[in-house]
N, C-alpha and C. Protein backbone atom coordinates (compact mmCIF):
# COMPACT_ATOMS: atom_id res chain seq x y z
N MET A 1 122.04 64.07 90.50
CA MET A 1 123.35 64.37 90.20
C MET A 1 124.18 64.56 91.46
N LYS A 2 125.30 64.02 91.59
CA LYS A 2 126.21 64.28 92.73
C LYS A 2 126.99 65.54 92.65
N ILE A 3 127.28 66.13 93.77
CA ILE A 3 128.00 67.39 93.79
C ILE A 3 129.28 67.17 94.53
N LYS A 4 130.40 67.50 93.90
CA LYS A 4 131.72 67.47 94.58
C LYS A 4 132.29 68.95 94.61
N VAL A 5 132.63 69.36 95.81
CA VAL A 5 133.31 70.69 95.87
C VAL A 5 134.72 70.36 96.19
N CYS A 6 135.63 70.89 95.38
CA CYS A 6 137.10 70.59 95.46
C CYS A 6 137.94 71.84 95.78
N GLY A 7 139.14 71.55 96.35
CA GLY A 7 140.03 72.60 96.60
C GLY A 7 139.83 73.36 97.88
N LEU A 8 139.43 72.56 98.94
CA LEU A 8 139.14 73.20 100.29
C LEU A 8 140.35 73.13 101.22
N ARG A 9 140.46 74.18 102.01
CA ARG A 9 141.54 74.14 103.00
C ARG A 9 141.44 75.09 104.18
N ASP A 10 140.32 75.88 104.21
CA ASP A 10 140.07 76.80 105.37
C ASP A 10 139.04 76.15 106.22
N SER A 11 139.35 76.16 107.52
CA SER A 11 138.51 75.41 108.50
C SER A 11 137.05 75.92 108.57
N ASP A 12 136.80 77.19 108.65
CA ASP A 12 135.44 77.73 108.74
C ASP A 12 134.71 77.55 107.48
N ASN A 13 135.41 77.67 106.29
CA ASN A 13 134.83 77.50 105.03
C ASN A 13 134.44 76.06 104.81
N ILE A 14 135.25 75.12 105.27
CA ILE A 14 134.99 73.69 105.17
C ILE A 14 133.69 73.33 105.93
N LYS A 15 133.50 74.01 107.19
CA LYS A 15 132.32 73.74 107.94
C LYS A 15 131.07 74.33 107.25
N ALA A 16 131.20 75.39 106.67
CA ALA A 16 129.99 76.07 105.94
C ALA A 16 129.67 75.22 104.70
N ILE A 17 130.64 74.66 104.12
CA ILE A 17 130.25 73.75 102.95
C ILE A 17 129.79 72.49 103.32
N GLU A 18 130.33 71.88 104.42
CA GLU A 18 129.78 70.72 105.08
C GLU A 18 128.26 70.86 105.24
N ALA A 19 127.84 72.02 105.73
CA ALA A 19 126.40 72.22 105.97
C ALA A 19 125.53 72.21 104.84
N LEU A 20 126.16 72.38 103.57
CA LEU A 20 125.33 72.28 102.32
C LEU A 20 125.19 70.81 101.87
N SER A 21 125.83 69.88 102.57
CA SER A 21 125.73 68.43 102.31
C SER A 21 126.11 68.06 100.85
N PRO A 22 127.35 68.41 100.47
CA PRO A 22 127.74 67.80 99.13
C PRO A 22 127.98 66.38 99.25
N GLY A 23 127.99 65.67 98.10
CA GLY A 23 128.25 64.26 98.11
C GLY A 23 129.76 63.91 98.38
N TYR A 24 130.54 64.94 97.91
CA TYR A 24 132.02 64.72 97.91
C TYR A 24 132.72 66.06 98.31
N MET A 25 133.78 66.04 99.10
CA MET A 25 134.61 67.27 99.24
C MET A 25 136.01 66.83 98.99
N GLY A 26 136.67 67.62 98.10
CA GLY A 26 138.01 67.27 97.64
C GLY A 26 139.10 68.14 98.25
N PHE A 27 140.21 67.45 98.64
CA PHE A 27 141.36 68.11 99.31
C PHE A 27 142.63 67.89 98.55
N ILE A 28 143.26 68.94 98.09
CA ILE A 28 144.35 68.81 97.10
C ILE A 28 145.72 68.51 97.85
N CYS A 29 146.23 67.39 97.60
CA CYS A 29 147.59 66.91 98.33
C CYS A 29 148.68 67.04 97.33
N TYR A 30 148.69 68.13 96.54
CA TYR A 30 149.70 68.40 95.45
C TYR A 30 150.22 69.72 95.75
N ASN A 31 151.62 69.75 96.16
CA ASN A 31 152.17 70.98 96.67
C ASN A 31 152.42 72.09 95.69
N LYS A 32 152.15 71.76 94.32
CA LYS A 32 152.38 72.89 93.39
C LYS A 32 150.95 73.52 93.18
N SER A 33 149.92 73.12 93.80
CA SER A 33 148.58 73.68 93.65
C SER A 33 148.43 74.83 94.70
N PRO A 34 147.80 75.96 94.23
CA PRO A 34 147.52 77.00 95.17
C PRO A 34 146.46 76.74 96.20
N ARG A 35 145.93 75.45 96.03
CA ARG A 35 144.88 75.02 96.97
C ARG A 35 145.44 73.76 97.89
N PHE A 36 146.77 73.68 97.87
CA PHE A 36 147.45 72.59 98.61
C PHE A 36 147.00 72.63 100.14
N ILE A 37 146.69 71.49 100.69
CA ILE A 37 146.22 71.48 102.08
C ILE A 37 147.43 71.28 103.11
N GLY A 38 148.64 71.33 102.67
CA GLY A 38 149.79 71.19 103.51
C GLY A 38 149.71 71.95 104.84
N GLY A 39 149.88 71.21 105.94
CA GLY A 39 149.77 71.89 107.23
C GLY A 39 148.44 71.93 107.98
N MET A 40 147.41 71.48 107.22
CA MET A 40 146.07 71.40 107.82
C MET A 40 146.07 70.47 108.97
N ASP A 41 145.31 70.78 110.05
CA ASP A 41 145.24 69.95 111.19
C ASP A 41 144.40 68.77 110.82
N ASP A 42 144.90 67.56 111.24
CA ASP A 42 144.17 66.36 110.85
C ASP A 42 142.72 66.31 111.28
N ASP A 43 142.38 66.78 112.44
CA ASP A 43 141.02 66.77 112.91
C ASP A 43 140.08 67.56 112.04
N GLU A 44 140.57 68.51 111.28
CA GLU A 44 139.67 69.38 110.42
C GLU A 44 139.05 68.50 109.35
N LEU A 45 139.73 67.48 108.85
CA LEU A 45 139.31 66.59 107.90
C LEU A 45 138.62 65.33 108.56
N VAL A 46 139.25 64.80 109.58
CA VAL A 46 138.71 63.58 110.20
C VAL A 46 137.37 63.81 110.63
N ASN A 47 137.05 64.93 111.21
CA ASN A 47 135.70 65.22 111.82
C ASN A 47 134.58 65.59 110.88
N ILE A 48 134.89 65.61 109.60
CA ILE A 48 133.84 65.92 108.61
C ILE A 48 132.72 64.74 108.66
N SER A 49 131.53 65.09 108.41
CA SER A 49 130.47 64.20 108.43
C SER A 49 130.77 62.93 107.65
N THR A 50 130.47 61.74 108.20
CA THR A 50 130.66 60.51 107.47
C THR A 50 129.72 60.28 106.34
N ASP A 51 128.79 61.22 106.11
CA ASP A 51 127.82 61.20 105.00
C ASP A 51 128.47 61.74 103.78
N ILE A 52 129.54 62.48 103.98
CA ILE A 52 130.28 63.11 102.85
C ILE A 52 131.55 62.28 102.59
N ILE A 53 131.74 62.02 101.33
CA ILE A 53 132.95 61.29 100.84
C ILE A 53 134.15 62.24 100.73
N LYS A 54 135.16 62.04 101.59
CA LYS A 54 136.30 62.87 101.57
C LYS A 54 137.32 62.31 100.56
N VAL A 55 137.72 63.24 99.66
CA VAL A 55 138.57 62.83 98.50
C VAL A 55 139.91 63.54 98.64
N GLY A 56 141.00 62.72 98.58
CA GLY A 56 142.35 63.30 98.51
C GLY A 56 142.80 63.34 97.08
N VAL A 57 143.27 64.43 96.63
CA VAL A 57 143.59 64.60 95.20
C VAL A 57 145.13 64.68 95.04
N PHE A 58 145.62 63.79 94.20
CA PHE A 58 147.11 63.58 94.06
C PHE A 58 147.52 63.64 92.59
N VAL A 59 148.63 64.09 92.38
CA VAL A 59 149.35 64.16 90.96
C VAL A 59 150.67 63.44 91.02
N ASP A 60 150.59 62.26 90.40
CA ASP A 60 151.87 61.50 90.22
C ASP A 60 152.67 61.33 91.59
N GLU A 61 151.93 61.12 92.64
CA GLU A 61 152.48 60.84 94.00
C GLU A 61 152.83 59.39 94.01
N ASP A 62 153.79 59.03 94.95
CA ASP A 62 154.10 57.65 95.17
C ASP A 62 153.05 56.95 96.00
N ALA A 63 152.99 55.64 95.82
CA ALA A 63 151.95 54.88 96.61
C ALA A 63 152.07 55.00 98.14
N ASP A 64 153.29 54.92 98.53
CA ASP A 64 153.46 54.99 100.06
C ASP A 64 153.01 56.34 100.64
N SER A 65 153.23 57.39 99.97
CA SER A 65 152.79 58.71 100.44
C SER A 65 151.27 58.78 100.40
N ILE A 66 150.64 58.24 99.34
CA ILE A 66 149.19 58.29 99.23
C ILE A 66 148.65 57.52 100.38
N SER A 67 149.13 56.29 100.63
CA SER A 67 148.61 55.44 101.66
C SER A 67 148.75 56.13 103.08
N LYS A 68 149.84 56.80 103.29
CA LYS A 68 149.99 57.54 104.54
C LYS A 68 148.92 58.64 104.77
N LEU A 69 148.68 59.33 103.66
CA LEU A 69 147.67 60.45 103.72
C LEU A 69 146.21 59.92 103.88
N ILE A 70 145.98 58.70 103.25
CA ILE A 70 144.61 58.13 103.33
C ILE A 70 144.39 57.81 104.89
N TYR A 71 145.45 57.27 105.54
CA TYR A 71 145.40 56.94 106.85
C TYR A 71 145.24 58.16 107.83
N LYS A 72 146.11 59.20 107.43
CA LYS A 72 146.16 60.43 108.29
C LYS A 72 144.90 61.25 108.25
N TYR A 73 144.28 61.37 107.13
CA TYR A 73 143.12 62.22 107.01
C TYR A 73 141.86 61.45 106.83
N LYS A 74 141.91 60.05 106.86
CA LYS A 74 140.71 59.18 106.75
C LYS A 74 140.00 59.45 105.41
N PHE A 75 140.80 59.57 104.40
CA PHE A 75 140.09 59.79 103.00
C PHE A 75 139.27 58.57 102.66
N ASP A 76 138.12 58.82 102.07
CA ASP A 76 137.25 57.78 101.57
C ASP A 76 137.43 57.46 100.13
N ALA A 77 138.13 58.34 99.47
CA ALA A 77 138.38 58.23 98.07
C ALA A 77 139.66 59.03 97.67
N ILE A 78 140.28 58.63 96.56
CA ILE A 78 141.39 59.43 96.02
C ILE A 78 141.10 59.73 94.59
N GLN A 79 141.59 60.89 94.20
CA GLN A 79 141.49 61.36 92.79
C GLN A 79 142.85 61.54 92.27
N LEU A 80 143.17 60.77 91.18
CA LEU A 80 144.47 60.77 90.62
C LEU A 80 144.53 61.55 89.33
N HIS A 81 145.34 62.62 89.39
CA HIS A 81 145.33 63.66 88.21
C HIS A 81 146.48 63.65 87.36
N GLY A 82 147.42 62.66 87.59
CA GLY A 82 148.66 62.58 86.76
C GLY A 82 148.57 61.53 85.72
N ALA A 83 149.81 60.84 85.54
CA ALA A 83 149.92 59.83 84.49
C ALA A 83 149.83 58.47 85.12
N GLU A 84 149.09 58.31 86.22
CA GLU A 84 149.01 57.01 86.93
C GLU A 84 148.47 55.99 86.05
N SER A 85 149.09 54.74 86.16
CA SER A 85 148.70 53.59 85.35
C SER A 85 147.46 52.97 85.89
N PRO A 86 146.83 52.12 85.05
CA PRO A 86 145.76 51.26 85.55
C PRO A 86 146.14 50.37 86.81
N GLU A 87 147.34 49.85 86.67
CA GLU A 87 147.86 49.00 87.78
C GLU A 87 148.08 49.78 89.11
N PHE A 88 148.45 51.10 88.92
CA PHE A 88 148.63 51.91 90.12
C PHE A 88 147.32 52.21 90.68
N CYS A 89 146.28 52.55 89.90
CA CYS A 89 144.99 52.78 90.33
C CYS A 89 144.43 51.58 91.10
N ASP A 90 144.69 50.42 90.62
CA ASP A 90 144.15 49.15 91.15
C ASP A 90 144.75 48.91 92.57
N MET A 91 145.90 49.43 92.86
CA MET A 91 146.55 49.20 94.14
C MET A 91 145.66 49.69 95.31
N PHE A 92 144.86 50.71 94.92
CA PHE A 92 143.97 51.39 96.01
C PHE A 92 142.49 51.00 95.93
N LYS A 93 142.13 50.30 94.88
CA LYS A 93 140.77 50.04 94.53
C LYS A 93 139.89 49.36 95.68
N HIS A 94 140.63 48.48 96.46
CA HIS A 94 139.96 47.78 97.53
C HIS A 94 140.08 48.48 98.87
N GLU A 95 140.68 49.65 98.90
CA GLU A 95 140.82 50.43 100.12
C GLU A 95 139.97 51.63 100.13
N VAL A 96 139.87 52.30 99.09
CA VAL A 96 139.09 53.51 98.88
C VAL A 96 138.49 53.64 97.43
N GLN A 97 137.49 54.43 97.29
CA GLN A 97 137.04 54.74 95.94
C GLN A 97 138.14 55.41 95.13
N VAL A 98 138.32 55.04 93.86
CA VAL A 98 139.29 55.58 93.03
C VAL A 98 138.69 56.37 91.85
N ILE A 99 139.04 57.70 91.78
CA ILE A 99 138.65 58.54 90.65
C ILE A 99 139.90 58.90 89.87
N LYS A 100 139.85 58.60 88.58
CA LYS A 100 140.96 58.79 87.72
C LYS A 100 140.54 59.97 86.84
N ALA A 101 141.37 61.07 86.88
CA ALA A 101 141.05 62.25 86.17
C ALA A 101 141.84 62.33 84.85
N PHE A 102 141.23 62.84 83.81
CA PHE A 102 141.87 63.07 82.52
C PHE A 102 141.56 64.48 82.07
N GLY A 103 142.55 65.13 81.47
CA GLY A 103 142.35 66.40 80.85
C GLY A 103 141.91 66.16 79.39
N VAL A 104 140.80 66.71 79.00
CA VAL A 104 140.21 66.46 77.80
C VAL A 104 140.21 67.74 76.84
N ASP A 105 140.52 67.34 75.58
CA ASP A 105 140.43 68.41 74.56
C ASP A 105 139.93 67.68 73.23
N GLU A 106 139.81 68.38 72.11
CA GLU A 106 139.32 67.90 70.94
C GLU A 106 140.07 66.69 70.39
N GLU A 107 141.29 66.48 70.73
CA GLU A 107 142.11 65.36 70.27
C GLU A 107 142.08 64.20 71.24
N PHE A 108 141.43 64.29 72.40
CA PHE A 108 141.44 63.28 73.40
C PHE A 108 140.98 61.95 72.92
N ASP A 109 141.78 60.83 73.21
CA ASP A 109 141.49 59.52 72.77
C ASP A 109 140.71 58.73 73.87
N PHE A 110 139.44 58.69 73.80
CA PHE A 110 138.66 58.00 74.87
C PHE A 110 139.05 56.56 74.88
N GLY A 111 139.54 55.96 73.78
CA GLY A 111 139.93 54.51 73.77
C GLY A 111 140.91 54.15 74.83
N LYS A 112 141.76 55.07 75.25
CA LYS A 112 142.73 54.79 76.23
C LYS A 112 142.16 54.45 77.62
N LEU A 113 140.95 54.86 77.73
CA LEU A 113 140.30 54.57 79.06
C LEU A 113 139.84 53.17 79.27
N ASN A 114 139.88 52.38 78.19
CA ASN A 114 139.48 50.92 78.26
C ASN A 114 140.40 50.17 79.19
N ALA A 115 141.69 50.61 79.25
CA ALA A 115 142.64 49.84 80.12
C ALA A 115 142.37 50.15 81.62
N TYR A 116 141.60 51.26 81.90
CA TYR A 116 141.31 51.64 83.27
C TYR A 116 139.95 51.16 83.77
N LYS A 117 139.08 50.63 82.95
CA LYS A 117 137.67 50.43 83.30
C LYS A 117 137.37 49.48 84.44
N ASN A 118 138.35 48.54 84.69
CA ASN A 118 138.15 47.56 85.77
C ASN A 118 138.97 47.98 87.07
N ASN A 119 139.72 49.14 86.92
CA ASN A 119 140.66 49.56 87.94
C ASN A 119 140.25 50.84 88.75
N VAL A 120 139.18 51.39 88.29
CA VAL A 120 138.68 52.75 88.93
C VAL A 120 137.27 52.57 89.14
N ASP A 121 136.78 53.43 90.04
CA ASP A 121 135.31 53.57 90.32
C ASP A 121 134.63 54.61 89.49
N TYR A 122 135.45 55.72 89.27
CA TYR A 122 134.92 56.76 88.45
C TYR A 122 136.05 57.48 87.59
N PHE A 123 135.64 58.12 86.53
CA PHE A 123 136.52 58.98 85.75
C PHE A 123 136.08 60.38 86.14
N LEU A 124 137.03 61.28 85.93
CA LEU A 124 136.68 62.76 86.05
C LEU A 124 137.27 63.43 84.73
N PHE A 125 136.41 64.10 83.99
CA PHE A 125 136.90 64.75 82.82
C PHE A 125 136.97 66.21 83.04
N ASP A 126 138.22 66.77 83.00
CA ASP A 126 138.54 68.15 83.20
C ASP A 126 139.05 68.75 81.90
N THR A 127 139.13 70.02 81.92
CA THR A 127 139.82 70.74 80.75
C THR A 127 141.29 70.50 80.78
N LYS A 128 141.85 70.10 79.61
CA LYS A 128 143.23 69.75 79.52
C LYS A 128 144.04 71.07 79.69
N THR A 129 144.91 71.11 80.79
CA THR A 129 145.90 72.17 80.91
C THR A 129 147.14 71.68 81.46
N ALA A 130 148.22 72.43 81.48
CA ALA A 130 149.49 72.00 82.07
C ALA A 130 149.46 71.90 83.62
N ALA A 131 148.37 72.52 84.19
CA ALA A 131 148.40 72.67 85.65
C ALA A 131 147.54 71.57 86.39
N HIS A 132 147.05 70.61 85.67
CA HIS A 132 146.36 69.52 86.34
C HIS A 132 145.12 70.01 87.06
N GLY A 133 144.33 70.83 86.36
CA GLY A 133 143.10 71.23 86.91
C GLY A 133 143.13 72.59 87.52
N GLY A 134 141.83 73.10 87.93
CA GLY A 134 141.69 74.33 88.53
C GLY A 134 141.90 75.55 87.64
N SER A 135 141.72 75.36 86.36
CA SER A 135 142.04 76.39 85.33
C SER A 135 140.80 77.32 85.19
N GLY A 136 139.62 76.90 85.56
CA GLY A 136 138.48 77.69 85.40
C GLY A 136 137.99 77.71 83.97
N LYS A 137 138.57 76.87 83.10
CA LYS A 137 138.16 76.80 81.66
C LYS A 137 137.37 75.59 81.38
N THR A 138 136.40 75.72 80.55
CA THR A 138 135.52 74.67 80.04
C THR A 138 136.14 73.99 78.78
N PHE A 139 135.57 72.74 78.51
CA PHE A 139 135.97 72.21 77.19
C PHE A 139 134.57 71.97 76.54
N ASP A 140 134.72 71.56 75.20
CA ASP A 140 133.50 71.35 74.44
C ASP A 140 132.87 70.04 75.03
N TRP A 141 131.66 70.14 75.69
CA TRP A 141 131.06 69.04 76.28
C TRP A 141 130.54 68.08 75.28
N HIS A 142 130.35 68.37 73.98
CA HIS A 142 129.92 67.46 72.98
C HIS A 142 130.97 66.35 72.86
N ILE A 143 132.19 66.61 73.19
CA ILE A 143 133.17 65.53 73.11
C ILE A 143 132.82 64.35 73.94
N LEU A 144 132.00 64.55 74.96
CA LEU A 144 131.65 63.51 75.96
C LEU A 144 130.87 62.38 75.13
N ASP A 145 130.23 62.75 73.95
CA ASP A 145 129.44 61.70 73.25
C ASP A 145 130.35 60.67 72.75
N LYS A 146 131.69 60.91 72.69
CA LYS A 146 132.53 59.82 72.33
C LYS A 146 132.97 58.78 73.35
N TYR A 147 132.45 59.13 74.58
CA TYR A 147 132.73 58.20 75.75
C TYR A 147 131.73 57.12 75.63
N GLN A 148 132.20 55.84 75.56
CA GLN A 148 131.28 54.71 75.40
C GLN A 148 131.28 53.70 76.56
N LEU A 149 132.04 53.90 77.56
CA LEU A 149 132.11 52.97 78.73
C LEU A 149 131.01 53.32 79.62
N ASP A 150 130.72 52.33 80.60
CA ASP A 150 129.66 52.54 81.58
C ASP A 150 130.23 52.96 82.94
N VAL A 151 131.52 53.18 83.10
CA VAL A 151 132.11 53.77 84.32
C VAL A 151 131.60 55.15 84.49
N PRO A 152 130.91 55.50 85.56
CA PRO A 152 130.38 56.85 85.82
C PRO A 152 131.46 57.84 85.87
N PHE A 153 131.13 59.13 85.43
CA PHE A 153 132.17 60.19 85.42
C PHE A 153 131.62 61.49 86.02
N PHE A 154 132.59 62.24 86.58
CA PHE A 154 132.41 63.53 87.00
C PHE A 154 132.77 64.49 85.91
N LEU A 155 132.05 65.59 85.81
CA LEU A 155 132.42 66.69 84.89
C LEU A 155 133.11 67.82 85.69
N SER A 156 134.17 68.26 85.23
CA SER A 156 134.98 69.39 85.89
C SER A 156 135.46 70.36 84.84
N GLY A 157 135.94 71.43 85.29
CA GLY A 157 136.56 72.40 84.31
C GLY A 157 135.64 73.55 84.04
N GLY A 158 135.80 74.67 84.83
CA GLY A 158 135.05 75.89 84.48
C GLY A 158 133.57 75.95 84.83
N LEU A 159 133.13 74.93 85.54
CA LEU A 159 131.68 74.91 85.91
C LEU A 159 131.37 76.22 86.74
N SER A 160 130.27 76.85 86.43
CA SER A 160 129.94 78.17 87.12
C SER A 160 128.35 78.28 87.10
N LEU A 161 127.93 79.28 87.83
CA LEU A 161 126.49 79.55 87.78
C LEU A 161 126.05 79.84 86.51
N ASP A 162 126.92 80.40 85.58
CA ASP A 162 126.43 80.78 84.28
C ASP A 162 126.17 79.56 83.32
N ASN A 163 126.78 78.44 83.66
CA ASN A 163 126.67 77.34 82.72
C ASN A 163 126.11 76.10 83.34
N LEU A 164 125.63 76.06 84.55
CA LEU A 164 125.17 74.87 85.18
C LEU A 164 123.75 74.41 84.52
N GLU A 165 123.05 75.29 84.13
CA GLU A 165 121.73 74.90 83.39
C GLU A 165 122.08 74.08 82.15
N GLU A 166 123.04 74.65 81.49
CA GLU A 166 123.62 73.89 80.25
C GLU A 166 124.13 72.46 80.61
N VAL A 167 124.87 72.41 81.72
CA VAL A 167 125.35 71.17 82.19
C VAL A 167 124.23 70.16 82.40
N LYS A 168 123.18 70.63 82.98
CA LYS A 168 122.01 69.79 83.32
C LYS A 168 121.38 69.12 82.03
N GLN A 169 121.70 69.73 80.86
CA GLN A 169 121.21 69.21 79.62
C GLN A 169 121.93 68.12 79.10
N ILE A 170 123.13 67.75 79.68
CA ILE A 170 124.00 66.65 79.23
C ILE A 170 123.26 65.46 79.64
N LYS A 171 122.89 64.55 78.67
CA LYS A 171 122.14 63.30 78.91
C LYS A 171 122.88 62.04 78.89
N HIS A 172 124.28 62.12 78.89
CA HIS A 172 125.05 60.94 78.81
C HIS A 172 124.73 60.03 79.99
N PRO A 173 124.44 58.71 79.63
CA PRO A 173 124.03 57.76 80.71
C PRO A 173 124.98 57.60 81.89
N ALA A 174 126.30 57.87 81.56
CA ALA A 174 127.39 57.63 82.62
C ALA A 174 127.62 58.95 83.39
N PHE A 175 126.96 60.04 83.11
CA PHE A 175 127.24 61.34 83.77
C PHE A 175 126.76 61.20 85.22
N TYR A 176 127.70 61.30 86.17
CA TYR A 176 127.43 60.96 87.57
C TYR A 176 127.38 62.18 88.40
N GLY A 177 128.24 63.21 88.14
CA GLY A 177 128.35 64.30 89.05
C GLY A 177 129.07 65.55 88.53
N VAL A 178 129.03 66.62 89.18
CA VAL A 178 129.71 67.82 88.84
C VAL A 178 130.75 68.05 89.89
N ASP A 179 131.86 68.66 89.46
CA ASP A 179 133.00 69.06 90.33
C ASP A 179 133.08 70.58 90.31
N LEU A 180 132.91 71.16 91.39
CA LEU A 180 132.87 72.66 91.54
C LEU A 180 134.19 73.12 92.16
N ASN A 181 134.77 74.18 91.63
CA ASN A 181 136.03 74.52 92.15
C ASN A 181 136.27 76.04 91.95
N SER A 182 137.10 76.36 91.00
CA SER A 182 137.70 77.74 90.97
C SER A 182 136.67 78.86 90.69
N LYS A 183 135.50 78.57 89.90
CA LYS A 183 134.61 79.55 89.63
C LYS A 183 133.69 79.85 90.82
N PHE A 184 133.86 79.18 92.00
CA PHE A 184 133.04 79.43 93.16
C PHE A 184 133.99 79.88 94.33
N GLU A 185 135.14 80.58 93.94
CA GLU A 185 136.07 81.04 94.92
C GLU A 185 136.13 82.55 95.13
N VAL A 186 136.42 82.88 96.40
CA VAL A 186 136.83 84.20 96.70
C VAL A 186 138.27 84.33 96.40
N SER A 187 139.06 83.35 96.78
CA SER A 187 140.47 83.21 96.56
C SER A 187 140.83 81.80 96.49
N PRO A 188 141.99 81.34 95.98
CA PRO A 188 142.26 79.87 95.92
C PRO A 188 142.16 79.16 97.25
N GLY A 189 141.27 78.25 97.23
CA GLY A 189 141.03 77.43 98.47
C GLY A 189 139.90 77.96 99.41
N LEU A 190 139.44 79.19 99.12
CA LEU A 190 138.31 79.76 99.86
C LEU A 190 137.11 79.99 99.06
N LYS A 191 136.06 79.18 99.35
CA LYS A 191 134.91 79.23 98.40
C LYS A 191 133.86 80.30 98.88
N ASP A 192 133.14 80.78 97.89
CA ASP A 192 131.97 81.71 98.05
C ASP A 192 130.75 80.89 98.39
N ILE A 193 130.33 80.93 99.64
CA ILE A 193 129.25 80.10 100.13
C ILE A 193 127.89 80.51 99.46
N ASP A 194 127.71 81.78 99.20
CA ASP A 194 126.48 82.27 98.47
C ASP A 194 126.33 81.68 97.06
N LYS A 195 127.46 81.69 96.36
CA LYS A 195 127.50 81.17 94.99
C LYS A 195 127.29 79.60 95.08
N LEU A 196 127.92 78.92 95.99
CA LEU A 196 127.82 77.53 96.10
C LEU A 196 126.37 77.09 96.50
N THR A 197 125.76 77.92 97.32
CA THR A 197 124.26 77.57 97.76
C THR A 197 123.44 77.71 96.49
N LYS A 198 123.56 78.73 95.70
CA LYS A 198 122.83 78.95 94.44
C LYS A 198 123.13 77.75 93.48
N ALA A 199 124.48 77.37 93.44
CA ALA A 199 124.81 76.26 92.58
C ALA A 199 124.07 74.91 93.05
N PHE A 200 124.08 74.63 94.30
CA PHE A 200 123.45 73.43 94.85
C PHE A 200 121.92 73.40 94.49
N ASN A 201 121.27 74.65 94.62
CA ASN A 201 119.90 74.75 94.26
C ASN A 201 119.65 74.49 92.81
N LYS A 202 120.52 75.03 91.95
CA LYS A 202 120.40 74.88 90.46
C LYS A 202 120.55 73.38 90.15
N VAL A 203 121.47 72.64 90.69
CA VAL A 203 121.80 71.26 90.38
C VAL A 203 120.54 70.46 90.93
N LYS A 204 120.07 70.81 92.09
CA LYS A 204 118.90 69.98 92.63
C LYS A 204 117.62 70.39 92.19
N GLY A 205 117.56 71.40 91.21
CA GLY A 205 116.27 71.83 90.64
C GLY A 205 115.46 72.77 91.56
N LYS A 206 116.13 73.45 92.44
CA LYS A 206 115.42 74.28 93.40
C LYS A 206 115.50 75.79 93.04
N GLY A 207 116.09 76.07 91.88
CA GLY A 207 116.21 77.46 91.49
C GLY A 207 117.29 77.66 90.49
């Protein structure tokens, strides 16, 4: 199972997480988020190990701005958290990996994902909130049984040391990785390395 740590912006913290070798590291380029990376030095992201996929997270941003930040920070992937269309996603598909995020609740219509299946590399299923993620709240994971496509997905929303063992019991064939964020923080954008180390061990079956 792949591990993505999202919402990073502190230089020393980033280096400590890089040492844990996550598959993905996410950087939020949405200025309404408390984890917004505005003002970060380019080199802090550019110099991250090439073994780690750097993800820029956007919410209803225009294509030109996304392209400029892909170039500036050398992002390997983008995560789109707003109302971006399949056609919008497809604009970047041949440049970077594209992760399309959806907020999920009991009424979520998985059928609308059919339009995206050829335009994205991954889906990310988060708890539906007005804040586009980072809520620290889980959703009913049994809802994932309704997902019928073979596009791999990340699971997000309230993942913590208390529920990772339960997460590992999800046997959906398209379940690709976990997205760790707010439940592993000292404060917004600053991760608790001890908690993350324990989480990595749990996911990898080491404890």
